Amino acid sequence: MPRPTASAPAAGGARPHRRTPRGKTPPALAALIATLAPGVVRDVLDRGARLEAAIVAAQGEEARKRSTRSDRVLVNRSLASLTRWWGWIEPLRLVQVEDQLLLAWLLDSTELPAVARIWASKAARDRASLSCGGDAPNWTARAETLKRFVAGRAVTADPWMNFPAWLREELPPPPGDESPKVRRLEFLHAVQTPPNLWVVVRGEPPKPVWDELREAGHKPWVQRRLDVAARLEPDADLRPIAAYGRGALVVEDLGARAVARVCDPDPGERWWDLGEGSSLHALDLADEMRGKGTVVSTFEREPARKAAALKIRKGPFRNVEARAWDGRHAPGKPGSFDGVLVAPPSSGVGAWRRHPETRWIVKAERLAEFAETQRRLLETAATAVRPGGTLVYTVATATLRETQALVQGFLRDRPEFRLDPFPHPLEEDETTGMVHLWPQIHDCDARFIARLVRTARPAQPS
């Protein structure tokens, strides 16, 4: 598509008008996605590339920038579906990429847009016989879509084929009354469903923002226990919303926002955000503190620090700072923080709904590496907490070794810390000091949160 060009200056020096890029026609868009798909899949599976980076590399950064938002959304959605369902698609050995894209779309979605109908024609499929299974309530119903597509051909529809083999051994049974097998399958089904859109209000009372969304035709479903968060329709365009433009309304997963509520910082306290390389949790902490006190967010990589600092400057809070960090020592004096939030890198199982490609990128041997890094960062964070202070650990995953097992091992070795029970951030229940959030229960990314309190100074070696 040609680059948008400015028209000649109007009389009197009027500012030139820049033409808005036009979206591609459905045939052109269907052909573009089919062209990109093989290279993107290879980049993800063979080279461990993230989906967005693989798409940019395959399409070209300039061409992607010149495309419309709706075109980019459809490209991303189509290729995300392909990686999400690759475990069922790859064994079929479908020769035409249009067949692969069509099946992925049918499994993932509830309607058949123009591009999918074009893929069906290219693959000589009878469109009248196609049916979408994106709203299937369980794996049995989802498998029917696959079986109809192959038209009587023998096919294996084992749900676990869509996930790495190591997940079977690492996934604890989620809560529920059914058998462990059924509960795990319910979790897998939720993970395999594209996520809803959650938004969060920061720095302002939430009710006027929800009213603004309603006036614009949206239907925010406000979370009862966490009224700064609301669910919107998945394709909601927030750009015309004034609160979004000024940074008061942000896109954020419900589970991520729940972390700051569990931290429960008081205005005026001093907190250290030892996170995953973004300012997300730091800004949520500042919001809980009503902008009073100090939040120090640390970064080992300078590009990440600069990006976070820019986001912080654009936000409503002036009590957050993005600081370079050596990765080894707490900023400031030991024991000088009222609270520390540790959100280290993880296997990311909890985010597979929105980043389906990462299931194929993270290999089994990486789990031990993640757990080692998580424990090291937790130990470092512990030195920064004052007696009576709070230590919160959270990861967007569900594997046992990165969650309960890691915290229990830490508590055995650090008797000056104990679990600090807290109200469940999304339910009416109390917790023991640890909680799992689950997509099939809470409609958010799978996430683990533990809150500890330092009861005394560590014992000195004799």
Protein backbone atom coordinates (compact mmCIF):
# COMPACT_ATOMS: atom_id res chain seq x y z
CA MET A 1 0.00 0.00 0.00
CA PRO A 2 1.51 3.43 -0.91
CA ARG A 3 2.70 5.73 1.82
CA PRO A 4 0.17 8.46 2.69
CA THR A 5 1.30 11.75 1.15
CA ALA A 6 0.63 15.34 2.10
CA SER A 7 -1.23 17.53 -0.36
CA ALA A 8 0.23 20.79 -1.61
CA PRO A 9 0.01 23.71 0.86
CA ALA A 10 -3.22 25.59 0.58
CA ALA A 11 -3.37 29.33 -0.07
CA GLY A 12 -2.47 31.47 2.90
CA GLY A 13 -0.07 28.86 4.30
CA ALA A 14 -2.78 26.56 5.61
CA ARG A 15 -1.51 23.36 7.14
CA PRO A 16 -1.43 20.52 4.58
CA HIS A 17 -3.96 17.74 5.02
CA ARG A 18 -2.56 14.23 5.41
CA ARG A 19 -4.69 11.52 3.93
CA THR A 20 -5.82 8.76 6.25
CA PRO A 21 -4.48 5.35 5.18
CA ARG A 22 -7.10 3.19 3.56
CA GLY A 23 -7.62 -0.36 4.65
CA LYS A 24 -6.89 -3.19 2.27
CA THR A 25 -9.70 -4.87 0.40
CA PRO A 26 -10.72 -8.28 1.80
CA PRO A 27 -8.99 -10.20 -1.05
CA ALA A 28 -5.77 -8.23 -0.55
CA LEU A 29 -5.90 -8.69 3.21
CA ALA A 30 -6.63 -12.42 2.91
CA ALA A 31 -3.68 -12.79 0.53
CA LEU A 32 -1.39 -10.78 2.82
CA ILE A 33 -2.19 -12.97 5.85
CA ALA A 34 -1.69 -16.15 3.82
CA THR A 35 1.68 -14.83 2.62
CA LEU A 36 2.82 -13.92 6.13
CA ALA A 37 1.63 -17.08 7.91
CA PRO A 38 4.34 -19.65 6.96
CA GLY A 39 7.23 -17.36 7.89
CA VAL A 40 5.60 -16.21 11.11
CA VAL A 41 4.93 -19.78 12.24
CA ARG A 42 8.53 -20.77 11.45
CA ASP A 43 9.88 -17.79 13.39
CA VAL A 44 7.78 -18.70 16.42
CA LEU A 45 8.34 -22.47 16.42
CA ASP A 46 11.93 -22.68 15.20
CA ARG A 47 13.45 -19.44 16.44
CA GLY A 48 11.34 -18.65 19.49
CA ALA A 49 10.22 -15.25 18.18
CA ARG A 50 7.31 -13.45 19.80
CA LEU A 51 4.29 -13.16 17.52
CA GLU A 52 4.27 -9.38 17.18
CA ALA A 53 8.00 -9.29 16.36
CA ALA A 54 7.60 -12.11 13.84
CA ILE A 55 4.76 -10.29 12.09
CA VAL A 56 6.74 -7.05 11.89
CA ALA A 57 9.77 -8.94 10.55
CA ALA A 58 7.68 -10.72 7.91
CA GLN A 59 5.63 -7.70 6.84
CA GLY A 60 8.21 -4.96 7.23
CA GLU A 61 8.00 -2.22 9.82
CA GLU A 62 7.17 0.56 7.36
CA ALA A 63 4.41 -1.41 5.66
CA ARG A 64 2.91 -2.26 9.03
CA LYS A 65 2.98 1.35 10.14
CA ARG A 66 1.15 2.40 6.98
CA SER A 67 -1.63 -0.13 7.52
CA THR A 68 -4.89 0.73 9.29
CA ARG A 69 -5.69 -0.32 12.83
CA SER A 70 -8.45 -2.66 11.67
CA ASP A 71 -6.09 -4.36 9.22
CA ARG A 72 -3.43 -4.83 11.91
CA VAL A 73 -6.00 -6.25 14.32
CA LEU A 74 -7.18 -8.81 11.76
CA VAL A 75 -3.61 -9.83 10.84
CA ASN A 76 -2.69 -10.28 14.51
CA ARG A 77 -5.90 -12.12 15.34
CA SER A 78 -5.59 -14.53 12.41
CA LEU A 79 -1.97 -15.44 13.13
CA ALA A 80 -2.57 -15.66 16.88
CA SER A 81 -5.35 -18.18 16.16
CA LEU A 82 -2.98 -20.19 14.00
CA THR A 83 -0.36 -20.46 16.76
CA ARG A 84 -3.04 -21.11 19.39
CA TRP A 85 -4.43 -24.13 17.52
CA TRP A 86 -1.20 -25.35 15.92
CA GLY A 87 -1.23 -28.50 18.03
CA TRP A 88 -4.39 -29.67 16.25
CA ILE A 89 -3.60 -28.16 12.86
CA GLU A 90 -0.03 -29.32 12.26
CA PRO A 91 -0.77 -33.11 12.42
CA LEU A 92 -3.40 -32.74 9.67
CA ARG A 93 -0.66 -31.87 7.15
CA LEU A 94 -2.91 -29.40 5.35
CA VAL A 95 -1.15 -28.44 2.14
CA GLN A 96 -2.70 -25.02 1.62
CA VAL A 97 -2.00 -22.27 4.13
CA GLU A 98 -5.53 -20.97 3.51
CA ASP A 99 -6.84 -24.28 4.88
CA GLN A 100 -4.75 -23.83 8.01
CA LEU A 101 -5.88 -20.24 8.54
CA LEU A 102 -9.51 -21.16 7.92
CA LEU A 103 -9.50 -24.00 10.44
CA ALA A 104 -7.79 -21.83 13.06
CA TRP A 105 -10.41 -19.15 12.54
CA LEU A 106 -13.30 -21.61 12.80
CA LEU A 107 -11.92 -23.01 16.06
CA ASP A 108 -11.32 -19.57 17.53
CA SER A 109 -14.22 -17.40 16.44
CA THR A 110 -17.99 -17.12 16.33
CA GLU A 111 -18.40 -15.57 12.88
CA LEU A 112 -16.94 -15.94 9.40
CA PRO A 113 -15.64 -12.61 8.02
CA ALA A 114 -14.85 -11.87 4.40
CA VAL A 115 -11.20 -12.91 4.63
CA ALA A 116 -12.14 -16.33 6.03
CA ARG A 117 -14.68 -16.83 3.25
CA ILE A 118 -11.95 -16.01 0.74
CA TRP A 119 -9.65 -18.61 2.34
CA ALA A 120 -12.49 -21.13 2.04
CA SER A 121 -12.82 -20.41 -1.68
CA LYS A 122 -9.06 -20.69 -2.21
CA ALA A 123 -9.08 -24.06 -0.44
CA ALA A 124 -12.16 -25.23 -2.43
CA ARG A 125 -14.24 -25.51 0.74
CA ASP A 126 -18.03 -25.41 0.65
CA ARG A 127 -18.81 -22.35 2.75
CA ALA A 128 -22.30 -23.61 3.51
CA SER A 129 -20.80 -26.56 5.40
CA LEU A 130 -18.52 -24.43 7.57
CA SER A 131 -19.46 -23.58 11.15
CA CYS A 132 -17.63 -21.60 13.79
CA GLY A 133 -16.89 -23.16 17.17
CA GLY A 134 -15.47 -20.20 19.04
CA ASP A 135 -18.36 -20.23 21.50
CA ALA A 136 -18.08 -23.96 22.23
CA PRO A 137 -18.67 -24.54 25.97
CA ASN A 138 -16.17 -27.38 26.36
CA TRP A 139 -13.57 -29.49 24.60
CA THR A 140 -16.07 -32.02 23.29
CA ALA A 141 -18.01 -29.31 21.48
CA ARG A 142 -14.81 -27.70 20.26
CA ALA A 143 -13.63 -31.01 18.79
CA GLU A 144 -16.82 -31.19 16.71
CA THR A 145 -15.61 -28.19 14.72
CA LEU A 146 -12.37 -30.02 13.96
CA LYS A 147 -14.18 -33.23 12.99
CA ARG A 148 -16.62 -31.44 10.69
CA PHE A 149 -13.72 -29.71 8.98
CA VAL A 150 -11.92 -32.97 8.15
CA ALA A 151 -15.22 -34.52 6.95
CA GLY A 152 -15.03 -37.99 8.45
CA ARG A 153 -11.27 -38.36 8.32
CA ALA A 154 -9.80 -39.96 11.43
CA VAL A 155 -8.48 -37.24 13.71
CA THR A 156 -7.11 -36.97 17.24
CA ALA A 157 -8.69 -34.16 19.24
CA ASP A 158 -6.75 -34.47 22.49
CA PRO A 159 -6.84 -31.02 24.14
CA TRP A 160 -3.31 -31.48 25.52
CA MET A 161 -1.96 -31.47 21.95
CA ASN A 162 -2.42 -27.70 21.93
CA PHE A 163 -0.01 -27.26 24.82
CA PRO A 164 3.62 -28.18 25.55
CA ALA A 165 4.13 -31.66 27.01
CA TRP A 166 5.71 -30.33 30.22
CA LEU A 167 2.44 -28.67 31.29
CA ARG A 168 0.89 -32.04 32.29
CA GLU A 169 3.43 -32.48 35.08
CA GLU A 170 3.56 -28.85 36.18
CA LEU A 171 -0.11 -27.87 36.38
CA PRO A 172 -1.77 -28.29 39.80
CA PRO A 173 -5.50 -29.06 39.84
CA PRO A 174 -7.48 -25.80 39.92
CA PRO A 175 -10.19 -25.48 42.60
CA GLY A 176 -13.61 -27.02 42.05
CA ASP A 177 -15.84 -29.98 42.80
CA GLU A 178 -15.04 -32.04 39.70
CA SER A 179 -12.21 -34.55 39.35
CA PRO A 180 -8.66 -33.17 38.94
CA LYS A 181 -8.73 -34.27 35.29
CA VAL A 182 -11.90 -32.31 34.56
CA ARG A 183 -10.65 -29.24 36.43
CA ARG A 184 -7.43 -29.22 34.43
CA LEU A 185 -9.36 -29.52 31.17
CA GLU A 186 -11.61 -26.63 32.19
CA PHE A 187 -8.49 -24.55 32.77
CA LEU A 188 -7.06 -25.53 29.38
CA HIS A 189 -10.33 -24.61 27.69
CA ALA A 190 -10.29 -21.17 29.33
CA VAL A 191 -6.65 -20.61 28.38
CA GLN A 192 -7.50 -21.54 24.78
CA THR A 193 -10.17 -18.83 24.56
CA PRO A 194 -9.09 -15.31 23.49
CA PRO A 195 -9.38 -12.96 26.47
CA ASN A 196 -11.96 -10.32 27.18
CA LEU A 197 -10.84 -6.71 27.33
CA TRP A 198 -10.32 -5.35 30.83
CA VAL A 199 -9.69 -1.68 31.54
CA VAL A 200 -8.65 0.12 34.70
CA VAL A 201 -9.14 3.68 35.96
CA ARG A 202 -6.08 5.31 37.53
CA GLY A 203 -5.78 8.59 39.39
CA GLU A 204 -9.47 9.51 39.15
CA PRO A 205 -12.78 8.34 40.64
CA PRO A 206 -13.92 5.42 38.47
CA LYS A 207 -17.65 6.13 38.26
CA PRO A 208 -17.43 9.19 35.94
CA VAL A 209 -15.20 7.20 33.59
CA TRP A 210 -17.65 4.29 33.49
CA ASP A 211 -20.41 6.81 32.77
CA GLU A 212 -18.35 8.28 29.92
CA LEU A 213 -17.95 4.81 28.42
CA ARG A 214 -21.69 4.17 28.66
CA GLU A 215 -22.46 7.49 26.96
CA ALA A 216 -20.14 6.44 24.12
CA GLY A 217 -22.13 3.23 23.61
CA HIS A 218 -19.94 0.81 25.56
CA LYS A 219 -21.20 -1.52 28.27
CA PRO A 220 -18.62 -1.71 31.06
CA TRP A 221 -19.11 -4.57 33.50
CA VAL A 222 -17.55 -3.28 36.71
CA GLN A 223 -15.86 -5.85 38.93
CA ARG A 224 -17.75 -5.89 42.23
CA ARG A 225 -14.74 -6.28 44.53
CA LEU A 226 -12.38 -4.15 42.45
CA ASP A 227 -14.47 -1.25 41.19
CA VAL A 228 -11.58 0.47 39.39
CA ALA A 229 -11.65 -2.38 36.82
CA ALA A 230 -14.29 -3.17 34.20
CA ARG A 231 -14.72 -5.61 31.33
CA LEU A 232 -15.57 -4.30 27.87
CA GLU A 233 -16.44 -5.91 24.55
CA PRO A 234 -13.25 -7.46 23.06
CA ASP A 235 -13.15 -5.17 20.01
CA ALA A 236 -13.90 -1.92 21.86
CA ASP A 237 -12.10 1.08 20.32
CA LEU A 238 -11.05 3.35 23.19
CA ARG A 239 -9.33 6.02 21.12
CA PRO A 240 -12.35 8.38 21.07
CA ILE A 241 -12.73 8.15 24.87
CA ALA A 242 -11.39 11.28 26.59
CA ALA A 243 -10.36 9.40 29.74
CA TYR A 244 -8.28 7.06 27.59
CA GLY A 245 -6.61 9.97 25.84
CA ARG A 246 -5.54 11.62 29.08
CA GLY A 247 -4.26 8.36 30.58
CA ALA A 248 -6.93 7.90 33.24
CA LEU A 249 -8.32 4.79 31.47
CA VAL A 250 -5.80 2.08 30.62
CA VAL A 251 -5.97 -1.45 29.28
CA GLU A 252 -4.85 -3.88 31.98
CA ASP A 253 -5.71 -7.46 32.90
CA LEU A 254 -7.93 -7.81 35.95
CA GLY A 255 -5.48 -10.14 37.67
CA ALA A 256 -2.60 -7.71 37.23
CA ARG A 257 -4.61 -4.89 38.82
CA ALA A 258 -5.57 -7.16 41.71
CA VAL A 259 -1.89 -7.36 42.74
CA ALA A 260 -1.76 -3.79 44.03
CA ARG A 261 -4.97 -4.33 45.98
CA VAL A 262 -3.36 -7.31 47.72
CA CYS A 263 -0.27 -5.20 48.49
CA ASP A 264 -2.61 -2.77 50.29
CA PRO A 265 -0.06 0.06 50.61
CA ASP A 266 -0.93 3.06 52.75
CA PRO A 267 -0.49 6.63 51.49
CA GLY A 268 2.90 7.93 52.56
CA GLU A 269 4.65 4.54 52.59
CA ARG A 270 7.81 3.65 50.70
CA TRP A 271 7.58 0.72 48.27
CA TRP A 272 9.98 -1.01 45.91
CA ASP A 273 8.56 -2.47 42.70
CA LEU A 274 10.91 -5.24 41.62
CA GLY A 275 9.04 -6.14 38.47
CA GLU A 276 9.18 -7.63 34.99
CA GLY A 277 10.56 -4.54 33.29
CA SER A 278 7.47 -2.32 33.01
CA SER A 279 5.83 0.37 35.12
CA LEU A 280 2.50 -1.46 35.33
CA HIS A 281 2.57 -2.54 38.98
CA ALA A 282 4.34 0.64 40.11
CA LEU A 283 1.55 2.83 38.76
CA ASP A 284 -1.07 0.60 40.35
CA LEU A 285 0.73 0.91 43.70
CA ALA A 286 0.78 4.70 43.31
CA ASP A 287 -2.94 4.63 42.59
CA GLU A 288 -3.62 2.64 45.77
CA MET A 289 -1.47 5.17 47.67
CA ARG A 290 -3.44 8.08 46.16
CA GLY A 291 -0.20 9.53 44.85
CA LYS A 292 1.32 9.98 48.32
CA GLY A 293 4.56 8.34 49.43
CA THR A 294 7.24 6.82 47.22
CA VAL A 295 7.30 3.96 44.71
CA VAL A 296 10.75 3.02 43.40
CA SER A 297 10.55 0.91 40.23
CA THR A 298 13.88 -0.66 39.22
CA PHE A 299 15.16 -1.84 35.84
CA GLU A 300 18.24 -3.79 34.85
CA ARG A 301 17.96 -2.75 31.18
CA GLU A 302 18.25 0.92 30.32
CA PRO A 303 15.83 0.86 27.34
CA ALA A 304 13.13 -0.58 29.60
CA ARG A 305 13.87 2.04 32.25
CA LYS A 306 13.59 4.88 29.72
CA ALA A 307 10.31 3.54 28.35
CA ALA A 308 8.88 3.21 31.86
CA ALA A 309 10.08 6.69 32.84
CA LEU A 310 8.30 8.15 29.82
CA LYS A 311 5.08 6.36 30.70
CA ILE A 312 5.36 7.52 34.32
CA ARG A 313 5.87 11.15 33.27
CA LYS A 314 2.71 10.99 31.17
CA GLY A 315 0.72 9.56 34.08
CA PRO A 316 -1.06 11.33 36.93
CA PHE A 317 1.39 10.38 39.70
CA ARG A 318 4.53 12.17 40.83
CA ASN A 319 5.53 9.71 43.54
CA VAL A 320 6.90 7.05 41.14
CA GLU A 321 10.49 6.93 39.92
CA ALA A 322 12.14 4.59 37.42
CA ARG A 323 15.64 3.72 38.60
CA ALA A 324 18.52 1.77 37.09
CA TRP A 325 19.36 -1.35 39.10
CA ASP A 326 22.37 -3.64 39.28
CA GLY A 327 20.19 -6.74 39.81
CA ARG A 328 21.91 -7.66 43.07
CA HIS A 329 21.39 -5.10 45.83
CA ALA A 330 18.31 -3.37 47.18
CA PRO A 331 18.09 0.36 46.39
CA GLY A 332 18.73 2.33 49.55
CA LYS A 333 19.51 0.95 52.98
CA PRO A 334 18.58 -2.63 53.91
CA GLY A 335 15.28 -2.84 55.73
CA SER A 336 14.20 0.65 54.61
CA PHE A 337 11.04 -0.20 52.64
CA ASP A 338 7.55 -0.55 54.05
CA GLY A 339 6.81 -2.98 51.26
CA VAL A 340 8.39 -4.73 48.30
CA LEU A 341 6.52 -6.18 45.34
CA VAL A 342 8.38 -8.94 43.48
CA ALA A 343 6.97 -9.70 40.01
CA PRO A 344 9.77 -11.62 38.28
CA PRO A 345 9.83 -13.17 34.81
CA SER A 346 8.02 -16.50 34.63
CA SER A 347 6.92 -19.24 32.25
CA GLY A 348 3.91 -17.03 31.49
CA VAL A 349 1.29 -19.80 31.42
CA GLY A 350 -1.22 -17.31 32.76
CA ALA A 351 -0.87 -15.06 29.73
CA TRP A 352 -1.29 -17.74 27.06
CA ARG A 353 -4.76 -16.42 26.20
CA ARG A 354 -3.32 -13.13 24.94
CA HIS A 355 0.11 -14.44 23.90
CA PRO A 356 -0.65 -17.94 22.55
CA GLU A 357 2.71 -18.31 20.82
CA THR A 358 4.67 -18.35 24.11
CA ARG A 359 3.50 -21.88 24.91
CA TRP A 360 5.72 -23.12 22.06
CA ILE A 361 8.63 -20.83 23.00
CA VAL A 362 9.14 -21.78 26.65
CA LYS A 363 10.87 -25.17 26.88
CA ALA A 364 10.82 -27.54 29.87
CA GLU A 365 14.40 -26.74 30.90
CA ARG A 366 13.53 -23.07 31.25
CA LEU A 367 11.23 -23.75 34.22
CA ALA A 368 14.15 -24.49 36.51
CA GLU A 369 15.88 -21.32 35.31
CA PHE A 370 12.77 -19.25 36.01
CA ALA A 371 12.40 -20.73 39.50
CA GLU A 372 16.06 -20.04 40.30
CA THR A 373 15.76 -16.42 39.21
CA GLN A 374 12.48 -15.98 41.09
CA ARG A 375 13.96 -17.30 44.32
CA ARG A 376 17.07 -15.12 43.94
CA LEU A 377 14.97 -11.99 43.43
CA LEU A 378 12.74 -12.90 46.35
CA GLU A 379 15.81 -13.27 48.58
CA THR A 380 17.12 -9.89 47.43
CA ALA A 381 13.75 -8.26 48.05
CA ALA A 382 13.61 -9.72 51.56
CA THR A 383 16.66 -7.70 52.60
CA ALA A 384 14.84 -4.46 51.77
CA VAL A 385 11.75 -5.04 53.94
CA ARG A 386 11.64 -3.42 57.36
CA PRO A 387 10.43 -5.41 60.39
CA GLY A 388 6.64 -5.39 60.22
CA GLY A 389 6.80 -4.62 56.51
CA THR A 390 5.18 -6.44 53.59
CA LEU A 391 6.70 -8.69 50.92
CA VAL A 392 4.43 -9.59 47.99
CA TYR A 393 5.37 -12.15 45.34
CA THR A 394 3.39 -12.56 42.12
CA VAL A 395 3.81 -14.38 38.81
CA ALA A 396 1.46 -14.68 35.84
CA THR A 397 1.70 -18.45 35.70
CA ALA A 398 0.22 -21.58 37.26
CA THR A 399 3.11 -24.05 37.57
CA LEU A 400 3.62 -25.42 41.06
CA ARG A 401 7.38 -24.86 41.21
CA GLU A 402 7.01 -21.14 40.40
CA THR A 403 4.17 -20.53 42.85
CA GLN A 404 3.33 -22.36 46.08
CA ALA A 405 6.41 -24.57 46.15
CA LEU A 406 8.72 -21.60 45.73
CA VAL A 407 7.09 -19.55 48.48
CA GLN A 408 6.97 -22.50 50.87
CA GLY A 409 10.67 -23.15 50.29
CA PHE A 410 11.44 -19.50 50.99
CA LEU A 411 9.46 -19.57 54.24
CA ARG A 412 11.32 -22.68 55.43
CA ASP A 413 14.64 -20.91 54.96
CA ARG A 414 13.56 -17.47 56.20
CA PRO A 415 11.77 -17.89 59.54
CA GLU A 416 11.60 -14.12 60.02
CA PHE A 417 8.83 -14.10 57.40
CA ARG A 418 5.36 -15.62 57.61
CA LEU A 419 2.27 -15.68 55.43
CA ASP A 420 0.01 -12.67 55.90
CA PRO A 421 -3.66 -13.63 55.27
CA PHE A 422 -5.63 -11.13 53.19
CA PRO A 423 -9.14 -10.78 51.70
CA HIS A 424 -9.49 -12.35 48.29
CA PRO A 425 -9.18 -9.46 45.80
CA LEU A 426 -11.96 -10.75 43.52
CA GLU A 427 -14.19 -12.82 45.84
CA GLU A 428 -15.80 -12.52 49.26
CA ASP A 429 -13.48 -15.12 50.85
CA GLU A 430 -10.37 -14.75 52.96
CA THR A 431 -7.07 -16.29 51.91
CA THR A 432 -4.27 -17.99 53.83
CA GLY A 433 -1.77 -15.48 52.44
CA MET A 434 -1.58 -17.16 49.03
CA VAL A 435 -4.11 -17.11 46.20
CA HIS A 436 -4.39 -18.38 42.64
CA LEU A 437 -6.50 -16.44 40.13
CA TRP A 438 -7.89 -18.60 37.33
CA PRO A 439 -9.27 -17.64 33.89
CA GLN A 440 -12.16 -20.12 34.08
CA ILE A 441 -13.23 -18.68 37.46
CA HIS A 442 -12.18 -15.02 37.46
CA ASP A 443 -12.01 -14.17 33.73
CA CYS A 444 -8.42 -13.00 33.99
CA ASP A 445 -4.96 -14.31 33.30
CA ALA A 446 -3.89 -17.14 35.58
CA ARG A 447 -1.89 -15.49 38.36
CA PHE A 448 -0.41 -16.39 41.73
CA ILE A 449 -0.09 -13.86 44.57
CA ALA A 450 1.48 -14.40 47.99
CA ARG A 451 1.70 -11.81 50.76
CA LEU A 452 4.26 -12.19 53.52
CA VAL A 453 5.07 -10.08 56.56
CA ARG A 454 8.50 -9.70 58.12
CA THR A 455 8.03 -10.37 61.82
CA ALA A 456 11.62 -9.85 63.01
CA ARG A 457 15.15 -9.16 61.89
CA PRO A 458 16.95 -12.18 60.42
CA ALA A 459 18.99 -14.22 62.86
CA GLN A 460 22.67 -13.39 62.77
CA PRO A 461 25.06 -16.26 62.02
CA SER A 462 26.90 -17.49 65.11
